[in-house]
PDB file of N, CA and C in Angstrom:
ATOM      1  N   LEU A   1     194.968  82.082 117.417  1.00  0.00           N
ATOM      2  CA  LEU A   1     196.085  82.831 116.868  1.00  0.00           C
ATOM      3  C   LEU A   1     195.599  83.946 115.945  1.00  0.00           C
ATOM      4  N   LYS A   2     194.487  83.742 115.292  1.00  0.00           N
ATOM      5  CA  LYS A   2     193.981  84.756 114.371  1.00  0.00           C
ATOM      6  C   LYS A   2     193.491  86.005 115.090  1.00  0.00           C
ATOM      7  N   LEU A   3     193.195  85.905 116.369  1.00  0.00           N
ATOM      8  CA  LEU A   3     192.744  87.063 117.131  1.00  0.00           C
ATOM      9  C   LEU A   3     193.875  88.035 117.431  1.00  0.00           C
ATOM     10  N   ILE A   4     195.097  87.563 117.379  1.00  0.00           N
ATOM     11  CA  ILE A   4     196.248  88.383 117.726  1.00  0.00           C
ATOM     12  C   ILE A   4     196.752  89.082 116.465  1.00  0.00           C
ATOM     13  N   PRO A   5     196.837  90.414 116.471  1.00  0.00           N
ATOM     14  CA  PRO A   5     197.329  91.117 115.283  1.00  0.00           C
ATOM     15  C   PRO A   5     198.824  90.891 115.094  1.00  0.00           C
ATOM     16  N   PHE A   6     199.291  91.117 113.875  1.00  0.00           N
ATOM     17  CA  PHE A   6     200.729  91.055 113.628  1.00  0.00           C
ATOM     18  C   PHE A   6     201.385  92.281 114.241  1.00  0.00           C
ATOM     19  N   PHE A   7     202.611  92.133 114.657  1.00  0.00           N
ATOM     20  CA  PHE A   7     203.366  93.222 115.272  1.00  0.00           C
ATOM     21  C   PHE A   7     204.590  93.491 114.414  1.00  0.00           C
ATOM     22  N   ASP A   8     204.624  94.667 113.786  1.00  0.00           N
ATOM     23  CA  ASP A   8     205.770  95.048 112.966  1.00  0.00           C
ATOM     24  C   ASP A   8     206.794  95.719 113.870  1.00  0.00           C
ATOM     25  N   ALA A   9     207.807  94.984 114.230  1.00  0.00           N
ATOM     26  CA  ALA A   9     208.793  95.451 115.200  1.00  0.00           C
ATOM     27  C   ALA A   9     209.649  96.592 114.663  1.00  0.00           C
ATOM     28  N   ASP A  10     209.753  96.722 113.354  1.00  0.00           N
ATOM     29  CA  ASP A  10     210.600  97.770 112.778  1.00  0.00           C
ATOM     30  C   ASP A  10     209.985  99.157 112.906  1.00  0.00           C
ATOM     31  N   THR A  11     208.675  99.247 112.832  1.00  0.00           N
ATOM     32  CA  THR A  11     208.012 100.555 112.844  1.00  0.00           C
ATOM     33  C   THR A  11     207.092 100.736 114.041  1.00  0.00           C
ATOM     34  N   ALA A  12     207.235  99.924 115.042  1.00  0.00           N
ATOM     35  CA  ALA A  12     206.309  99.949 116.176  1.00  0.00           C
ATOM     36  C   ALA A  12     206.516 101.169 117.061  1.00  0.00           C
ATOM     37  N   SER A  13     205.413 101.776 117.432  1.00  0.00           N
ATOM     38  CA  SER A  13     205.452 102.835 118.434  1.00  0.00           C
ATOM     39  C   SER A  13     205.208 102.192 119.794  1.00  0.00           C
ATOM     40  N   THR A  14     205.427 102.955 120.821  1.00  0.00           N
ATOM     41  CA  THR A  14     205.200 102.444 122.170  1.00  0.00           C
ATOM     42  C   THR A  14     203.742 102.051 122.360  1.00  0.00           C
ATOM     43  N   GLU A  15     202.835 102.863 121.828  1.00  0.00           N
ATOM     44  CA  GLU A  15     201.405 102.573 121.974  1.00  0.00           C
ATOM     45  C   GLU A  15     201.026 101.282 121.253  1.00  0.00           C
ATOM     46  N   ARG A  16     201.547 101.115 120.044  1.00  0.00           N
ATOM     47  CA  ARG A  16     201.252  99.877 119.302  1.00  0.00           C
ATOM     48  C   ARG A  16     201.822  98.659 120.016  1.00  0.00           C
ATOM     49  N   ALA A  17     202.998  98.810 120.597  1.00  0.00           N
ATOM     50  CA  ALA A  17     203.605  97.701 121.336  1.00  0.00           C
ATOM     51  C   ALA A  17     202.754  97.341 122.548  1.00  0.00           C
ATOM     52  N   ARG A  18     202.267  98.348 123.262  1.00  0.00           N
ATOM     53  CA  ARG A  18     201.403  98.090 124.421  1.00  0.00           C
ATOM     54  C   ARG A  18     200.110  97.402 123.994  1.00  0.00           C
ATOM     55  N   ASP A  19     199.507  97.902 122.918  1.00  0.00           N
ATOM     56  CA  ASP A  19     198.262  97.302 122.425  1.00  0.00           C
ATOM     57  C   ASP A  19     198.480  95.854 121.992  1.00  0.00           C
ATOM     58  N   PHE A  20     199.558  95.623 121.247  1.00  0.00           N
ATOM     59  CA  PHE A  20     199.868  94.264 120.820  1.00  0.00           C
ATOM     60  C   PHE A  20     200.066  93.366 122.029  1.00  0.00           C
ATOM     61  N   TRP A  21     200.839  93.829 123.006  1.00  0.00           N
ATOM     62  CA  TRP A  21     201.144  92.986 124.158  1.00  0.00           C
ATOM     63  C   TRP A  21     199.882  92.662 124.943  1.00  0.00           C
ATOM     64  N   TRP A  22     199.004  93.655 125.127  1.00  0.00           N
ATOM     65  CA  TRP A  22     197.760  93.403 125.857  1.00  0.00           C
ATOM     66  C   TRP A  22     196.939  92.351 125.122  1.00  0.00           C
ATOM     67  N   CYS A  23     196.811  92.516 123.817  1.00  0.00           N
ATOM     68  CA  CYS A  23     196.035  91.572 123.005  1.00  0.00           C
ATOM     69  C   CYS A  23     196.666  90.182 123.048  1.00  0.00           C
ATOM     70  N   PHE A  24     197.974  90.113 122.902  1.00  0.00           N
ATOM     71  CA  PHE A  24     198.679  88.838 122.913  1.00  0.00           C
ATOM     72  C   PHE A  24     198.534  88.139 124.258  1.00  0.00           C
ATOM     73  N   GLU A  25     198.765  88.881 125.333  1.00  0.00           N
ATOM     74  CA  GLU A  25     198.713  88.274 126.662  1.00  0.00           C
ATOM     75  C   GLU A  25     197.301  87.786 126.996  1.00  0.00           C
ATOM     76  N   THR A  26     196.305  88.565 126.612  1.00  0.00           N
ATOM     77  CA  THR A  26     194.916  88.184 126.864  1.00  0.00           C
ATOM     78  C   THR A  26     194.523  86.945 126.059  1.00  0.00           C
ATOM     79  N   ALA A  27     194.901  86.910 124.791  1.00  0.00           N
ATOM     80  CA  ALA A  27     194.513  85.803 123.911  1.00  0.00           C
ATOM     81  C   ALA A  27     195.233  84.498 124.242  1.00  0.00           C
ATOM     82  N   THR A  28     196.417  84.585 124.831  1.00  0.00           N
ATOM     83  CA  THR A  28     197.186  83.366 125.100  1.00  0.00           C
ATOM     84  C   THR A  28     197.154  82.954 126.565  1.00  0.00           C
ATOM     85  N   GLU A  29     196.332  83.620 127.337  1.00  0.00           N
ATOM     86  CA  GLU A  29     196.228  83.277 128.755  1.00  0.00           C
ATOM     87  C   GLU A  29     195.767  81.828 128.902  1.00  0.00           C
ATOM     88  N   GLY A  30     196.427  81.094 129.744  1.00  0.00           N
ATOM     89  CA  GLY A  30     196.066  79.702 129.962  1.00  0.00           C
ATOM     90  C   GLY A  30     196.897  78.706 129.166  1.00  0.00           C
ATOM     91  N   PHE A  31     197.639  79.189 128.171  1.00  0.00           N
ATOM     92  CA  PHE A  31     198.525  78.318 127.406  1.00  0.00           C
ATOM     93  C   PHE A  31     199.852  78.168 128.139  1.00  0.00           C
ATOM     94  N   GLY A  32     200.586  77.120 127.828  1.00  0.00           N
ATOM     95  CA  GLY A  32     201.908  76.910 128.404  1.00  0.00           C
ATOM     96  C   GLY A  32     202.932  77.876 127.818  1.00  0.00           C
ATOM     97  N   ASP A  33     204.056  77.997 128.495  1.00  0.00           N
ATOM     98  CA  ASP A  33     205.094  78.934 128.063  1.00  0.00           C
ATOM     99  C   ASP A  33     205.601  78.638 126.657  1.00  0.00           C
ATOM    100  N   LEU A  34     205.839  77.394 126.333  1.00  0.00           N
ATOM    101  CA  LEU A  34     206.374  77.039 125.020  1.00  0.00           C
ATOM    102  C   LEU A  34     205.406  77.424 123.901  1.00  0.00           C
ATOM    103  N   VAL A  35     204.132  77.173 124.105  1.00  0.00           N
ATOM    104  CA  VAL A  35     203.116  77.530 123.104  1.00  0.00           C
ATOM    105  C   VAL A  35     203.056  79.043 122.947  1.00  0.00           C
ATOM    106  N   ARG A  36     203.096  79.769 124.053  1.00  0.00           N
ATOM    107  CA  ARG A  36     203.053  81.230 123.996  1.00  0.00           C
ATOM    108  C   ARG A  36     204.269  81.795 123.263  1.00  0.00           C
ATOM    109  N   LEU A  37     205.431  81.226 123.504  1.00  0.00           N
ATOM    110  CA  LEU A  37     206.639  81.700 122.826  1.00  0.00           C
ATOM    111  C   LEU A  37     206.549  81.472 121.320  1.00  0.00           C
ATOM    112  N   ARG A  38     206.033  80.323 120.916  1.00  0.00           N
ATOM    113  CA  ARG A  38     205.882  80.034 119.481  1.00  0.00           C
ATOM    114  C   ARG A  38     204.836  80.944 118.838  1.00  0.00           C
ATOM    115  N   MET A  39     203.759  81.205 119.552  1.00  0.00           N
ATOM    116  CA  MET A  39     202.727  82.104 119.034  1.00  0.00           C
ATOM    117  C   MET A  39     203.283  83.520 118.888  1.00  0.00           C
ATOM    118  N   PHE A  40     204.093  83.933 119.838  1.00  0.00           N
ATOM    119  CA  PHE A  40     204.709  85.254 119.775  1.00  0.00           C
ATOM    120  C   PHE A  40     205.589  85.373 118.531  1.00  0.00           C
ATOM    121  N   ALA A  41     206.422  84.385 118.302  1.00  0.00           N
ATOM    122  CA  ALA A  41     207.311  84.401 117.136  1.00  0.00           C
ATOM    123  C   ALA A  41     206.510  84.420 115.835  1.00  0.00           C
ATOM    124  N   ALA A  42     205.365  83.760 115.815  1.00  0.00           N
ATOM    125  CA  ALA A  42     204.537  83.700 114.611  1.00  0.00           C
ATOM    126  C   ALA A  42     203.858  85.030 114.300  1.00  0.00           C
ATOM    127  N   ARG A  43     203.681  85.894 115.283  1.00  0.00           N
ATOM    128  CA  ARG A  43     202.970  87.154 115.073  1.00  0.00           C
ATOM    129  C   ARG A  43     203.893  88.351 114.872  1.00  0.00           C
ATOM    130  N   MET A  44     205.198  88.139 114.854  1.00  0.00           N
ATOM    131  CA  MET A  44     206.152  89.236 114.675  1.00  0.00           C
ATOM    132  C   MET A  44     206.505  89.391 113.199  1.00  0.00           C
ATOM    133  N   ASN A  45     206.677  90.638 112.756  1.00  0.00           N
ATOM    134  CA  ASN A  45     207.093  90.972 111.390  1.00  0.00           C
ATOM    135  C   ASN A  45     208.306  91.884 111.445  1.00  0.00           C
ATOM    136  N   GLY A  46     209.065  91.915 110.371  1.00  0.00           N
ATOM    137  CA  GLY A  46     210.156  92.873 110.248  1.00  0.00           C
ATOM    138  C   GLY A  46     211.523  92.288 110.557  1.00  0.00           C
ATOM    139  N   TRP A  47     212.540  93.117 110.290  1.00  0.00           N
ATOM    140  CA  TRP A  47     213.923  92.697 110.476  1.00  0.00           C
ATOM    141  C   TRP A  47     214.230  92.412 111.940  1.00  0.00           C
ATOM    142  N   VAL A  48     213.758  93.269 112.831  1.00  0.00           N
ATOM    143  CA  VAL A  48     213.970  93.058 114.265  1.00  0.00           C
ATOM    144  C   VAL A  48     213.329  91.747 114.694  1.00  0.00           C
ATOM    145  N   ALA A  49     212.165  91.457 114.152  1.00  0.00           N
ATOM    146  CA  ALA A  49     211.466  90.213 114.485  1.00  0.00           C
ATOM    147  C   ALA A  49     212.260  88.998 114.020  1.00  0.00           C
ATOM    148  N   GLU A  50     212.885  89.095 112.856  1.00  0.00           N
ATOM    149  CA  GLU A  50     213.710  87.978 112.376  1.00  0.00           C
ATOM    150  C   GLU A  50     214.869  87.712 113.325  1.00  0.00           C
ATOM    151  N   ARG A  51     215.504  88.781 113.772  1.00  0.00           N
ATOM    152  CA  ARG A  51     216.597  88.624 114.738  1.00  0.00           C
ATOM    153  C   ARG A  51     216.096  87.997 116.025  1.00  0.00           C
ATOM    154  N   TRP A  52     214.941  88.438 116.497  1.00  0.00           N
ATOM    155  CA  TRP A  52     214.365  87.872 117.717  1.00  0.00           C
ATOM    156  C   TRP A  52     214.013  86.409 117.499  1.00  0.00           C
ATOM    157  N   GLY A  53     213.462  86.095 116.320  1.00  0.00           N
ATOM    158  CA  GLY A  53     213.088  84.713 116.026  1.00  0.00           C
ATOM    159  C   GLY A  53     214.280  83.778 116.012  1.00  0.00           C
ATOM    160  N   LEU A  54     215.385  84.258 115.467  1.00  0.00           N
ATOM    161  CA  LEU A  54     216.593  83.440 115.432  1.00  0.00           C
ATOM    162  C   LEU A  54     217.200  83.273 116.817  1.00  0.00           C
ATOM    163  N   ASN A  55     217.008  84.259 117.656  1.00  0.00           N
ATOM    164  CA  ASN A  55     217.586  84.230 118.999  1.00  0.00           C
ATOM    165  C   ASN A  55     216.549  83.915 120.067  1.00  0.00           C
ATOM    166  N   LEU A  56     215.445  83.314 119.673  1.00  0.00           N
ATOM    167  CA  LEU A  56     214.363  83.045 120.619  1.00  0.00           C
ATOM    168  C   LEU A  56     214.742  81.863 121.508  1.00  0.00           C
ATOM    169  N   ARG A  57     215.566  82.172 122.462  1.00  0.00           N
ATOM    170  CA  ARG A  57     216.012  81.152 123.407  1.00  0.00           C
ATOM    171  C   ARG A  57     215.499  81.468 124.801  1.00  0.00           C
ATOM    172  N   PHE A  58     214.417  82.200 124.859  1.00  0.00           N
ATOM    173  CA  PHE A  58     213.852  82.545 126.155  1.00  0.00           C
ATOM    174  C   PHE A  58     213.318  81.273 126.784  1.00  0.00           C
ATOM    175  N   GLY A  59     213.640  81.060 128.017  1.00  0.00           N
ATOM    176  CA  GLY A  59     213.215  79.843 128.683  1.00  0.00           C
ATOM    177  C   GLY A  59     211.777  79.873 129.139  1.00  0.00           C
ATOM    178  N   ASP A  60     211.265  81.079 129.394  1.00  0.00           N
ATOM    179  CA  ASP A  60     209.903  81.167 129.903  1.00  0.00           C
ATOM    180  C   ASP A  60     209.230  82.447 129.415  1.00  0.00           C
ATOM    181  N   PHE A  61     207.958  82.528 129.680  1.00  0.00           N
ATOM    182  CA  PHE A  61     207.152  83.645 129.212  1.00  0.00           C
ATOM    183  C   PHE A  61     207.525  84.948 129.913  1.00  0.00           C
ATOM    184  N   GLU A  62     207.884  84.893 131.175  1.00  0.00           N
ATOM    185  CA  GLU A  62     208.241  86.104 131.919  1.00  0.00           C
ATOM    186  C   GLU A  62     209.487  86.769 131.330  1.00  0.00           C
ATOM    187  N   THR A  63     210.445  85.989 130.876  1.00  0.00           N
ATOM    188  CA  THR A  63     211.644  86.550 130.244  1.00  0.00           C
ATOM    189  C   THR A  63     211.270  87.262 128.950  1.00  0.00           C
ATOM    190  N   LEU A  64     210.404  86.649 128.153  1.00  0.00           N
ATOM    191  CA  LEU A  64     209.927  87.278 126.925  1.00  0.00           C
ATOM    192  C   LEU A  64     209.229  88.587 127.244  1.00  0.00           C
ATOM    193  N   LYS A  65     208.362  88.582 128.235  1.00  0.00           N
ATOM    194  CA  LYS A  65     207.614  89.772 128.624  1.00  0.00           C
ATOM    195  C   LYS A  65     208.563  90.901 129.031  1.00  0.00           C
ATOM    196  N   ARG A  66     209.553  90.583 129.824  1.00  0.00           N
ATOM    197  CA  ARG A  66     210.522  91.580 130.287  1.00  0.00           C
ATOM    198  C   ARG A  66     211.321  92.147 129.113  1.00  0.00           C
ATOM    199  N   ARG A  67     211.753  91.286 128.201  1.00  0.00           N
ATOM    200  CA  ARG A  67     212.558  91.760 127.065  1.00  0.00           C
ATOM    201  C   ARG A  67     211.738  92.591 126.092  1.00  0.00           C
ATOM    202  N   LEU A  68     210.494  92.216 125.844  1.00  0.00           N
ATOM    203  CA  LEU A  68     209.643  93.017 124.972  1.00  0.00           C
ATOM    204  C   LEU A  68     209.401  94.380 125.604  1.00  0.00           C
ATOM    205  N   TYR A  69     209.137  94.394 126.891  1.00  0.00           N
ATOM    206  CA  TYR A  69     208.910  95.662 127.585  1.00  0.00           C
ATOM    207  C   TYR A  69     210.149  96.550 127.484  1.00  0.00           C
ATOM    208  N   ASN A  70     211.318  95.991 127.748  1.00  0.00           N
ATOM    209  CA  ASN A  70     212.547  96.780 127.708  1.00  0.00           C
ATOM    210  C   ASN A  70     212.879  97.268 126.305  1.00  0.00           C
ATOM    211  N   ARG A  71     212.548  96.498 125.292  1.00  0.00           N
ATOM    212  CA  ARG A  71     212.909  96.854 123.916  1.00  0.00           C
ATOM    213  C   ARG A  71     211.922  97.813 123.263  1.00  0.00           C
ATOM    214  N   PHE A  72     210.634  97.622 123.510  1.00  0.00           N
ATOM    215  CA  PHE A  72     209.631  98.373 122.762  1.00  0.00           C
ATOM    216  C   PHE A  72     208.779  99.320 123.598  1.00  0.00           C
ATOM    217  N   ILE A  73     208.548  99.030 124.841  1.00  0.00           N
ATOM    218  CA  ILE A  73     207.581  99.804 125.614  1.00  0.00           C
ATOM    219  C   ILE A  73     208.250 100.849 126.501  1.00  0.00           C
ATOM    220  N   ARG A  74     209.293 100.473 127.191  1.00  0.00           N
ATOM    221  CA  ARG A  74     209.955 101.410 128.091  1.00  0.00           C
ATOM    222  C   ARG A  74     210.705 102.450 127.276  1.00  0.00           C
ATOM    223  N   LEU A  75     210.482 103.699 127.607  1.00  0.00           N
ATOM    224  CA  LEU A  75     211.169 104.780 126.922  1.00  0.00           C
ATOM    225  C   LEU A  75     212.327 105.286 127.773  1.00  0.00           C
ATOM    226  N   THR A  76     213.425 105.586 127.123  1.00  0.00           N
ATOM    227  CA  THR A  76     214.515 106.227 127.841  1.00  0.00           C
ATOM    228  C   THR A  76     214.147 107.693 128.045  1.00  0.00           C
ATOM    229  N   GLU A  77     214.862 108.358 128.903  1.00  0.00           N
ATOM    230  CA  GLU A  77     214.586 109.768 129.166  1.00  0.00           C
ATOM    231  C   GLU A  77     214.735 110.593 127.886  1.00  0.00           C
ATOM    232  N   GLU A  78     215.734 110.271 127.095  1.00  0.00           N
ATOM    233  CA  GLU A  78     215.965 110.987 125.841  1.00  0.00           C
ATOM    234  C   GLU A  78     214.807 110.780 124.861  1.00  0.00           C
ATOM    235  N   GLU A  79     214.322 109.552 124.751  1.00  0.00           N
ATOM    236  CA  GLU A  79     213.200 109.262 123.853  1.00  0.00           C
ATOM    237  C   GLU A  79     211.933 109.968 124.313  1.00  0.00           C
ATOM    238  N   LEU A  80     211.712 110.017 125.615  1.00  0.00           N
ATOM    239  CA  LEU A  80     210.538 110.693 126.156  1.00  0.00           C
ATOM    240  C   LEU A  80     210.599 112.188 125.861  1.00  0.00           C
ATOM    241  N   LEU A  81     211.757 112.810 126.069  1.00  0.00           N
ATOM    242  CA  LEU A  81     211.913 114.236 125.774  1.00  0.00           C
ATOM    243  C   LEU A  81     211.732 114.512 124.285  1.00  0.00           C
ATOM    244  N   LYS A  82     212.250 113.640 123.435  1.00  0.00           N
ATOM    245  CA  LYS A  82     212.088 113.816 121.987  1.00  0.00           C
ATOM    246  C   LYS A  82     210.615 113.735 121.599  1.00  0.00           C
ATOM    247  N   ARG A  83     209.902 112.791 122.180  1.00  0.00           N
ATOM    248  CA  ARG A  83     208.475 112.652 121.891  1.00  0.00           C
ATOM    249  C   ARG A  83     207.706 113.898 122.332  1.00  0.00           C
ATOM    250  N   LEU A  84     208.023 114.430 123.513  1.00  0.00           N
ATOM    251  CA  LEU A  84     207.366 115.646 123.993  1.00  0.00           C
ATOM    252  C   LEU A  84     207.694 116.834 123.096  1.00  0.00           C
ATOM    253  N   PHE A  85     208.939 116.953 122.683  1.00  0.00           N
ATOM    254  CA  PHE A  85     209.358 118.033 121.797  1.00  0.00           C
ATOM    255  C   PHE A  85     208.627 117.947 120.459  1.00  0.00           C
ATOM    256  N   ASP A  86     208.543 116.760 119.894  1.00  0.00           N
ATOM    257  CA  ASP A  86     207.837 116.569 118.623  1.00  0.00           C
ATOM    258  C   ASP A  86     206.359 116.901 118.748  1.00  0.00           C
ATOM    259  N   ALA A  87     205.757 116.557 119.883  1.00  0.00           N
ATOM    260  CA  ALA A  87     204.340 116.857 120.098  1.00  0.00           C
ATOM    261  C   ALA A  87     204.122 118.364 120.168  1.00  0.00           C
ATOM    262  N   ASN A  88     205.041 119.088 120.805  1.00  0.00           N
ATOM    263  CA  ASN A  88     204.929 120.547 120.874  1.00  0.00           C
ATOM    264  C   ASN A  88     205.114 121.172 119.503  1.00  0.00           C
ATOM    265  N   GLN A  89     205.983 120.617 118.681  1.00  0.00           N
ATOM    266  CA  GLN A  89     206.224 121.138 117.340  1.00  0.00           C
ATOM    267  C   GLN A  89     204.986 120.992 116.456  1.00  0.00           C
ATOM    268  N   GLU A  90     204.215 119.940 116.673  1.00  0.00           N
ATOM    269  CA  GLU A  90     203.022 119.692 115.860  1.00  0.00           C
ATOM    270  C   GLU A  90     201.899 120.665 116.181  1.00  0.00           C
ATOM    271  N   ARG A  91     201.907 121.226 117.380  1.00  0.00           N
ATOM    272  CA  ARG A  91     200.850 122.182 117.772  1.00  0.00           C
ATOM    273  C   ARG A  91     201.101 123.451 117.096  1.00  0.00           C
TER     274      ARG A  91
END
């Protein structure tokens, strides 16, 4: 568990979410779904994480993976355009 960094869900960028997920999935490979779900809840920080912890009724690891991807990693078209616009503004 110490190998997995904490994930601050309130301030997470897409890149940080991807990095966290890769690290988490690699470190917990071979464990059962229930153990992985508990480890996931233990490594989350922030208000969003508290809400997820209270509602952690995912039955299996694949459901958790899909929900994390949809919430933190997948960008909507609007978010992608905003990110591109902000990157151009910084140049």
